[in-house]
Protein backbone atom coordinates (compact mmCIF):
# COMPACT_ATOMS: atom_id res chain seq x y z
CA MET A 1 146.07 87.96 53.36
CA GLU A 2 144.78 85.05 55.40
CA THR A 3 145.44 86.92 58.63
CA ASP A 4 143.17 89.77 57.54
CA ALA A 5 140.35 87.38 56.72
CA GLY A 6 140.85 85.58 60.03
CA SER A 7 140.75 88.81 62.00
CA ASP A 8 137.55 89.85 60.18
CA ARG A 9 135.89 86.60 61.20
CA THR A 10 136.96 87.04 64.81
CA GLY A 11 135.66 90.62 64.86
CA SER A 12 132.32 89.61 63.39
CA GLN A 13 132.07 86.74 65.86
CA ARG A 14 132.62 89.18 68.73
CA ARG A 15 130.00 91.53 67.35
CA GLY A 16 127.60 88.60 66.99
CA THR A 17 128.28 87.51 70.56
CA ARG A 18 127.71 91.05 71.83
CA ARG A 19 124.43 91.22 69.94
CA SER A 20 123.26 87.90 71.35
CA VAL A 21 124.24 88.89 74.90
CA ALA A 22 122.42 92.21 74.47
CA HIS A 23 119.40 90.33 73.14
CA VAL A 24 119.39 88.03 76.19
CA VAL A 25 119.74 90.97 78.58
CA ASP A 26 116.87 92.77 76.84
CA ALA A 27 114.71 89.64 77.06
CA VAL A 28 115.45 89.27 80.78
CA ARG A 29 114.66 92.95 81.42
CA ALA A 30 111.40 92.65 79.48
CA ARG A 31 110.36 89.57 81.47
CA LEU A 32 111.31 91.24 84.76
CA ALA A 33 109.25 94.30 83.81
CA GLN A 34 106.27 92.04 83.11
CA VAL A 35 106.62 90.34 86.50
CA VAL A 36 106.88 93.67 88.33
CA TRP A 37 103.81 95.00 86.50
CA LEU A 38 101.87 91.80 87.29
CA VAL A 39 102.73 92.00 91.01
CA CYS A 40 101.59 95.63 91.15
CA VAL A 41 98.35 94.86 89.29
CA LEU A 42 97.62 91.97 91.66
CA ALA A 43 98.22 94.23 94.68
CA ALA A 44 95.83 96.81 93.23
CA LEU A 45 93.28 94.10 92.52
CA VAL A 46 93.44 92.81 96.09
CA LEU A 47 92.81 96.33 97.41
CA ALA A 48 89.91 96.88 95.00
CA VAL A 49 88.27 93.55 95.85
CA GLY A 50 88.76 94.20 99.57
CA ALA A 51 87.09 97.59 99.26
CA LEU A 52 84.22 96.02 97.34
CA LEU A 53 83.76 93.34 100.00
CA VAL A 54 83.68 95.95 102.77
CA ALA A 55 81.25 98.13 100.79
CA LEU A 56 78.94 95.18 100.22
CA GLY A 57 79.08 94.25 103.90
CA ALA A 58 80.53 90.80 103.31
CA ASP A 59 80.75 88.51 106.34
CA GLU A 60 84.30 88.89 107.68
CA GLY A 61 83.92 85.50 109.36
CA ASN A 62 83.92 83.85 105.93
CA ASP A 63 87.30 82.28 105.15
CA LEU A 64 87.55 83.75 101.65
CA VAL A 65 86.58 87.24 102.81
CA SER A 66 89.00 87.10 105.73
CA PHE A 67 91.76 85.89 103.35
CA VAL A 68 91.18 88.84 100.99
CA LEU A 69 91.04 91.32 103.88
CA ALA A 70 94.27 89.90 105.30
CA GLY A 71 95.80 90.41 101.87
CA THR A 72 94.64 94.02 101.85
CA ASP A 73 96.31 94.56 105.20
CA THR A 74 99.54 93.31 103.64
CA VAL A 75 99.48 95.33 100.41
CA ASP A 76 98.17 98.57 101.93
CA LEU A 77 101.64 98.94 103.52
CA GLY A 78 100.09 100.76 106.48
CA VAL A 79 99.90 103.96 104.44
CA PHE A 80 96.53 103.15 102.89
CA SER A 81 95.07 101.32 105.90
CA ARG A 82 91.34 101.59 106.52
CA ASP A 83 92.03 102.02 110.24
CA ASP A 84 94.57 104.86 110.08
CA GLY A 85 95.26 105.58 106.43
CA LEU A 86 95.58 108.82 104.51
CA THR A 87 92.03 109.94 105.22
CA GLN A 88 89.81 109.11 108.15
CA PHE A 89 86.07 109.54 108.21
CA VAL A 90 83.92 109.61 111.32
CA GLY A 91 80.27 108.95 111.78
CA LYS A 92 77.90 106.62 110.04
CA ASP A 93 79.54 104.16 107.61
CA ALA A 94 83.02 105.52 108.41
CA GLY A 95 84.59 102.06 108.00
CA VAL A 96 83.17 101.65 104.52
CA ARG A 97 84.26 105.15 103.47
CA ASN A 98 87.73 104.60 104.91
CA ALA A 99 88.09 101.34 103.01
CA LEU A 100 86.81 102.76 99.73
CA VAL A 101 88.91 105.92 99.80
CA ASN A 102 92.14 104.61 101.30
CA TRP A 103 92.20 101.32 99.43
CA GLY A 104 91.10 103.07 96.23
CA ILE A 105 94.00 105.49 96.51
CA GLY A 106 96.28 102.56 97.35
CA ALA A 107 95.16 100.65 94.26
CA ILE A 108 95.85 103.67 92.06
CA ALA A 109 99.25 104.13 93.72
CA TRP A 110 100.15 100.48 93.03
CA LEU A 111 99.17 100.87 89.38
CA VAL A 112 101.18 104.07 88.97
CA LEU A 113 104.19 102.52 90.72
CA GLY A 114 103.93 99.43 88.55
CA ARG A 115 103.79 101.44 85.34
CA VAL A 116 106.76 103.61 86.36
CA LEU A 117 108.86 100.58 87.31
CA ASP A 118 107.82 98.82 84.12
CA ARG A 119 109.04 101.76 82.05
CA LEU A 120 112.31 101.96 83.98
CA ILE A 121 113.10 98.26 83.72
CA ARG A 122 111.91 97.54 80.18
CA PRO A 123 114.61 97.98 77.50
């Protein structure tokens, strides 16, 4: 009879260990999903702030403005560039329109990508 009781304890210990490992894996996946979402939101925010700065005609010689615009060049991935992005306007205020449209689309794309990845990663 003692062997049955001993085997029950070992089985329940294994089940408890599996549950705790699963809990840790779920916690790591949840944290990773949060980090991915945060990175995507920050990329979208950089694009939105960059578009706002261009629309307001901010001095690109200013260190803070040039830092944000350099960040937009990084997170636009070349696809959403204001110089040769998805759409290109010509004429008066073409640079502002290019920045608003391309970086706006880029910000939305980052948010959609972040949400999709969040849903895939999260347990």
